[in-house]
Amino acid sequence: MGEMIEYIKHIFGIEKIKKEADSLMINKIIKYEKEIKKLKDKVHNAEAETALIKATGINSPEMIAVKKEVCELRQDNRRLSKQVEDGVDRMRKAGVI
């Protein structure tokens, strides 16, 4: 009879340890689920912000003005380059260089 009581105590001890382990595991799962949700929300927000920046950035009045200014600068550069070439040609023809 004493062995049976010890066996039952042993079984109860094992069950108690199982419940504690289950509780710890559930707490970890809850913690990780919360962290995963936070990360998913951050990813979602970052994707939305990136899409918004791309959409407004490319077609924004500021970006259109910058593109226009770059085009004007390229045209000015081509004109100046042509003027320099013409000046060098004239100097060659005149025998200066």
N, C-alpha and C. Protein backbone atom coordinates (compact mmCIF):
# COMPACT_ATOMS: atom_id res chain seq x y z
N MET A 1 0.82 -1.19 0.00
CA MET A 1 0.00 0.00 0.00
C MET A 1 0.87 1.26 0.00
N GLY A 2 2.01 1.25 0.74
CA GLY A 2 2.91 2.40 0.78
C GLY A 2 3.51 2.69 -0.59
N GLU A 3 3.77 1.60 -1.33
CA GLU A 3 4.33 1.79 -2.68
C GLU A 3 3.31 2.45 -3.61
N MET A 4 2.07 2.08 -3.43
CA MET A 4 1.01 2.65 -4.26
C MET A 4 0.86 4.14 -3.98
N ILE A 5 0.95 4.53 -2.73
CA ILE A 5 0.83 5.94 -2.36
C ILE A 5 2.01 6.72 -2.96
N GLU A 6 3.21 6.16 -2.87
CA GLU A 6 4.39 6.81 -3.45
C GLU A 6 4.25 6.93 -4.96
N TYR A 7 3.73 5.89 -5.59
CA TYR A 7 3.52 5.90 -7.04
C TYR A 7 2.53 7.01 -7.43
N ILE A 8 1.45 7.13 -6.66
CA ILE A 8 0.45 8.16 -6.93
C ILE A 8 1.04 9.54 -6.72
N LYS A 9 1.83 9.72 -5.66
CA LYS A 9 2.50 11.00 -5.43
C LYS A 9 3.43 11.33 -6.60
N HIS A 10 4.13 10.30 -7.08
CA HIS A 10 5.04 10.48 -8.22
C HIS A 10 4.27 10.93 -9.47
N ILE A 11 3.14 10.30 -9.71
CA ILE A 11 2.29 10.66 -10.86
C ILE A 11 1.80 12.10 -10.72
N PHE A 12 1.34 12.46 -9.52
CA PHE A 12 0.88 13.84 -9.29
C PHE A 12 2.02 14.84 -9.51
N GLY A 13 3.23 14.47 -9.07
CA GLY A 13 4.40 15.33 -9.28
C GLY A 13 4.69 15.54 -10.76
N ILE A 14 4.59 14.46 -11.52
CA ILE A 14 4.81 14.55 -12.97
C ILE A 14 3.74 15.43 -13.61
N GLU A 15 2.51 15.25 -13.21
CA GLU A 15 1.41 16.05 -13.76
C GLU A 15 1.59 17.53 -13.44
N LYS A 16 2.06 17.80 -12.20
CA LYS A 16 2.30 19.19 -11.83
C LYS A 16 3.39 19.80 -12.70
N ILE A 17 4.46 19.06 -12.94
CA ILE A 17 5.55 19.54 -13.79
C ILE A 17 5.05 19.76 -15.22
N LYS A 18 4.22 18.85 -15.72
CA LYS A 18 3.65 19.00 -17.06
C LYS A 18 2.82 20.28 -17.16
N LYS A 19 1.99 20.54 -16.15
CA LYS A 19 1.15 21.74 -16.16
C LYS A 19 2.01 23.00 -16.13
N GLU A 20 3.06 22.99 -15.32
CA GLU A 20 3.97 24.14 -15.26
C GLU A 20 4.65 24.36 -16.62
N ALA A 21 5.09 23.25 -17.22
CA ALA A 21 5.74 23.35 -18.53
C ALA A 21 4.75 23.85 -19.58
N ASP A 22 3.53 23.36 -19.55
CA ASP A 22 2.50 23.83 -20.48
C ASP A 22 2.23 25.32 -20.30
N SER A 23 2.15 25.74 -19.05
CA SER A 23 1.90 27.15 -18.76
C SER A 23 3.03 28.02 -19.29
N LEU A 24 4.27 27.60 -19.05
CA LEU A 24 5.42 28.35 -19.56
C LEU A 24 5.40 28.40 -21.09
N MET A 25 5.06 27.29 -21.71
CA MET A 25 5.03 27.23 -23.18
C MET A 25 3.94 28.14 -23.73
N ILE A 26 2.79 28.13 -23.11
CA ILE A 26 1.68 28.99 -23.55
C ILE A 26 2.07 30.46 -23.42
N ASN A 27 2.73 30.81 -22.30
CA ASN A 27 3.18 32.20 -22.12
C ASN A 27 4.18 32.60 -23.19
N LYS A 28 5.09 31.69 -23.54
CA LYS A 28 6.05 31.99 -24.61
C LYS A 28 5.34 32.16 -25.95
N ILE A 29 4.38 31.30 -26.22
CA ILE A 29 3.64 31.39 -27.47
C ILE A 29 2.91 32.72 -27.56
N ILE A 30 2.26 33.11 -26.47
CA ILE A 30 1.55 34.39 -26.45
C ILE A 30 2.52 35.54 -26.69
N LYS A 31 3.67 35.49 -26.01
CA LYS A 31 4.70 36.53 -26.16
C LYS A 31 5.16 36.62 -27.62
N TYR A 32 5.47 35.47 -28.23
CA TYR A 32 5.96 35.48 -29.61
C TYR A 32 4.88 35.89 -30.60
N GLU A 33 3.63 35.51 -30.33
CA GLU A 33 2.54 35.94 -31.19
C GLU A 33 2.40 37.46 -31.18
N LYS A 34 2.56 38.07 -30.00
CA LYS A 34 2.50 39.53 -29.90
C LYS A 34 3.66 40.17 -30.67
N GLU A 35 4.86 39.60 -30.52
CA GLU A 35 6.02 40.14 -31.23
C GLU A 35 5.83 40.00 -32.74
N ILE A 36 5.32 38.87 -33.18
CA ILE A 36 5.08 38.66 -34.61
C ILE A 36 4.07 39.68 -35.13
N LYS A 37 3.01 39.92 -34.37
CA LYS A 37 2.01 40.91 -34.79
C LYS A 37 2.63 42.29 -34.90
N LYS A 38 3.46 42.67 -33.92
CA LYS A 38 4.13 43.98 -33.99
C LYS A 38 5.00 44.08 -35.23
N LEU A 39 5.75 43.02 -35.51
CA LEU A 39 6.63 43.02 -36.69
C LEU A 39 5.82 43.08 -37.98
N LYS A 40 4.72 42.33 -38.03
CA LYS A 40 3.86 42.37 -39.22
C LYS A 40 3.30 43.77 -39.42
N ASP A 41 2.90 44.41 -38.32
CA ASP A 41 2.37 45.78 -38.42
C ASP A 41 3.46 46.74 -38.91
N LYS A 42 4.68 46.58 -38.41
CA LYS A 42 5.79 47.44 -38.86
C LYS A 42 6.05 47.23 -40.35
N VAL A 43 6.06 45.98 -40.79
CA VAL A 43 6.29 45.68 -42.21
C VAL A 43 5.17 46.29 -43.05
N HIS A 44 3.95 46.12 -42.61
CA HIS A 44 2.80 46.68 -43.34
C HIS A 44 2.92 48.20 -43.45
N ASN A 45 3.23 48.85 -42.33
CA ASN A 45 3.37 50.31 -42.33
C ASN A 45 4.51 50.76 -43.23
N ALA A 46 5.63 50.03 -43.19
CA ALA A 46 6.78 50.38 -44.03
C ALA A 46 6.43 50.22 -45.50
N GLU A 47 5.73 49.15 -45.85
CA GLU A 47 5.32 48.94 -47.24
C GLU A 47 4.37 50.03 -47.70
N ALA A 48 3.43 50.38 -46.85
CA ALA A 48 2.47 51.43 -47.21
C ALA A 48 3.18 52.77 -47.38
N GLU A 49 4.10 53.07 -46.48
CA GLU A 49 4.84 54.33 -46.56
C GLU A 49 5.71 54.37 -47.82
N THR A 50 6.35 53.25 -48.13
CA THR A 50 7.19 53.18 -49.32
C THR A 50 6.35 53.38 -50.58
N ALA A 51 5.20 52.74 -50.63
CA ALA A 51 4.32 52.90 -51.79
C ALA A 51 3.86 54.35 -51.92
N LEU A 52 3.53 54.96 -50.81
CA LEU A 52 3.08 56.36 -50.82
C LEU A 52 4.20 57.28 -51.29
N ILE A 53 5.41 57.05 -50.78
CA ILE A 53 6.55 57.87 -51.19
C ILE A 53 6.82 57.71 -52.68
N LYS A 54 6.78 56.48 -53.17
CA LYS A 54 7.00 56.25 -54.60
C LYS A 54 5.93 56.95 -55.43
N ALA A 55 4.69 56.79 -55.00
CA ALA A 55 3.59 57.37 -55.78
C ALA A 55 3.63 58.89 -55.79
N THR A 56 3.88 59.49 -54.65
CA THR A 56 3.87 60.95 -54.60
C THR A 56 5.20 61.53 -55.03
N GLY A 57 6.28 60.82 -54.74
CA GLY A 57 7.60 61.34 -55.07
C GLY A 57 7.84 61.50 -56.56
N ILE A 58 7.46 60.53 -57.32
CA ILE A 58 7.71 60.54 -58.75
C ILE A 58 6.86 61.60 -59.45
N ASN A 59 5.65 61.77 -59.01
CA ASN A 59 4.72 62.68 -59.68
C ASN A 59 4.47 63.97 -58.91
N SER A 60 5.25 64.20 -57.88
CA SER A 60 5.04 65.40 -57.08
C SER A 60 5.48 66.64 -57.87
N PRO A 61 4.91 67.78 -57.57
CA PRO A 61 5.33 69.02 -58.25
C PRO A 61 6.83 69.30 -58.07
N GLU A 62 7.35 68.95 -56.90
CA GLU A 62 8.78 69.16 -56.67
C GLU A 62 9.63 68.29 -57.60
N MET A 63 9.23 67.02 -57.74
CA MET A 63 9.99 66.11 -58.59
C MET A 63 9.87 66.53 -60.06
N ILE A 64 8.70 66.95 -60.47
CA ILE A 64 8.52 67.42 -61.86
C ILE A 64 9.38 68.65 -62.11
N ALA A 65 9.45 69.55 -61.13
CA ALA A 65 10.29 70.75 -61.27
C ALA A 65 11.76 70.37 -61.36
N VAL A 66 12.18 69.40 -60.56
CA VAL A 66 13.59 68.97 -60.61
C VAL A 66 13.90 68.35 -61.96
N LYS A 67 13.00 67.50 -62.46
CA LYS A 67 13.23 66.89 -63.77
C LYS A 67 13.34 67.96 -64.86
N LYS A 68 12.47 68.96 -64.78
CA LYS A 68 12.49 70.04 -65.76
C LYS A 68 13.81 70.80 -65.67
N GLU A 69 14.25 71.06 -64.45
CA GLU A 69 15.50 71.79 -64.25
C GLU A 69 16.69 70.98 -64.78
N VAL A 70 16.66 69.68 -64.57
CA VAL A 70 17.75 68.82 -65.09
C VAL A 70 17.77 68.88 -66.61
N CYS A 71 16.60 68.82 -67.21
CA CYS A 71 16.54 68.91 -68.68
C CYS A 71 17.09 70.25 -69.17
N GLU A 72 16.73 71.32 -68.48
CA GLU A 72 17.23 72.65 -68.86
C GLU A 72 18.75 72.72 -68.70
N LEU A 73 19.26 72.13 -67.62
CA LEU A 73 20.70 72.13 -67.40
C LEU A 73 21.43 71.34 -68.49
N ARG A 74 20.86 70.23 -68.90
CA ARG A 74 21.46 69.44 -69.99
C ARG A 74 21.49 70.26 -71.29
N GLN A 75 20.37 70.93 -71.56
CA GLN A 75 20.32 71.75 -72.78
C GLN A 75 21.34 72.88 -72.71
N ASP A 76 21.44 73.54 -71.56
CA ASP A 76 22.43 74.59 -71.39
C ASP A 76 23.84 74.04 -71.58
N ASN A 77 24.08 72.86 -71.04
CA ASN A 77 25.40 72.24 -71.16
C ASN A 77 25.72 71.96 -72.63
N ARG A 78 24.75 71.46 -73.37
CA ARG A 78 24.97 71.19 -74.81
C ARG A 78 25.25 72.49 -75.55
N ARG A 79 24.50 73.56 -75.24
CA ARG A 79 24.74 74.86 -75.91
C ARG A 79 26.14 75.39 -75.60
N LEU A 80 26.53 75.31 -74.32
CA LEU A 80 27.86 75.79 -73.95
C LEU A 80 28.95 74.97 -74.62
N SER A 81 28.74 73.66 -74.67
CA SER A 81 29.70 72.78 -75.33
C SER A 81 29.84 73.16 -76.80
N LYS A 82 28.72 73.42 -77.45
CA LYS A 82 28.73 73.82 -78.87
C LYS A 82 29.46 75.15 -79.04
N GLN A 83 29.20 76.11 -78.12
CA GLN A 83 29.87 77.41 -78.20
C GLN A 83 31.38 77.25 -78.05
N VAL A 84 31.79 76.39 -77.12
CA VAL A 84 33.23 76.16 -76.92
C VAL A 84 33.83 75.55 -78.18
N GLU A 85 33.16 74.55 -78.72
CA GLU A 85 33.67 73.92 -79.95
C GLU A 85 33.78 74.94 -81.08
N ASP A 86 32.76 75.77 -81.24
CA ASP A 86 32.80 76.80 -82.28
C ASP A 86 33.95 77.78 -82.05
N GLY A 87 34.14 78.17 -80.78
CA GLY A 87 35.23 79.09 -80.46
C GLY A 87 36.58 78.46 -80.75
N VAL A 88 36.75 77.20 -80.41
CA VAL A 88 38.01 76.51 -80.69
C VAL A 88 38.23 76.41 -82.20
N ASP A 89 37.21 76.10 -82.96
CA ASP A 89 37.33 76.02 -84.42
C ASP A 89 37.75 77.36 -85.00
N ARG A 90 37.13 78.45 -84.52
CA ARG A 90 37.50 79.80 -85.00
C ARG A 90 38.95 80.13 -84.67
N MET A 91 39.39 79.72 -83.47
CA MET A 91 40.76 80.00 -83.07
C MET A 91 41.74 79.20 -83.92
N ARG A 92 41.38 77.97 -84.27
CA ARG A 92 42.22 77.15 -85.15
C ARG A 92 42.32 77.79 -86.54
N LYS A 93 41.18 78.21 -87.05
CA LYS A 93 41.15 78.82 -88.38
C LYS A 93 41.95 80.12 -88.40
N ALA A 94 41.92 80.83 -87.27
CA ALA A 94 42.65 82.10 -87.19
C ALA A 94 44.14 81.86 -86.91
N GLY A 95 44.51 80.61 -86.61
CA GLY A 95 45.91 80.30 -86.37
C GLY A 95 46.34 80.56 -84.95
N VAL A 96 45.44 80.80 -84.07
CA VAL A 96 45.81 81.08 -82.67
C VAL A 96 46.26 79.79 -81.98
N ILE A 97 45.62 78.69 -82.30
CA ILE A 97 46.03 77.40 -81.71
C ILE A 97 46.31 76.37 -82.77
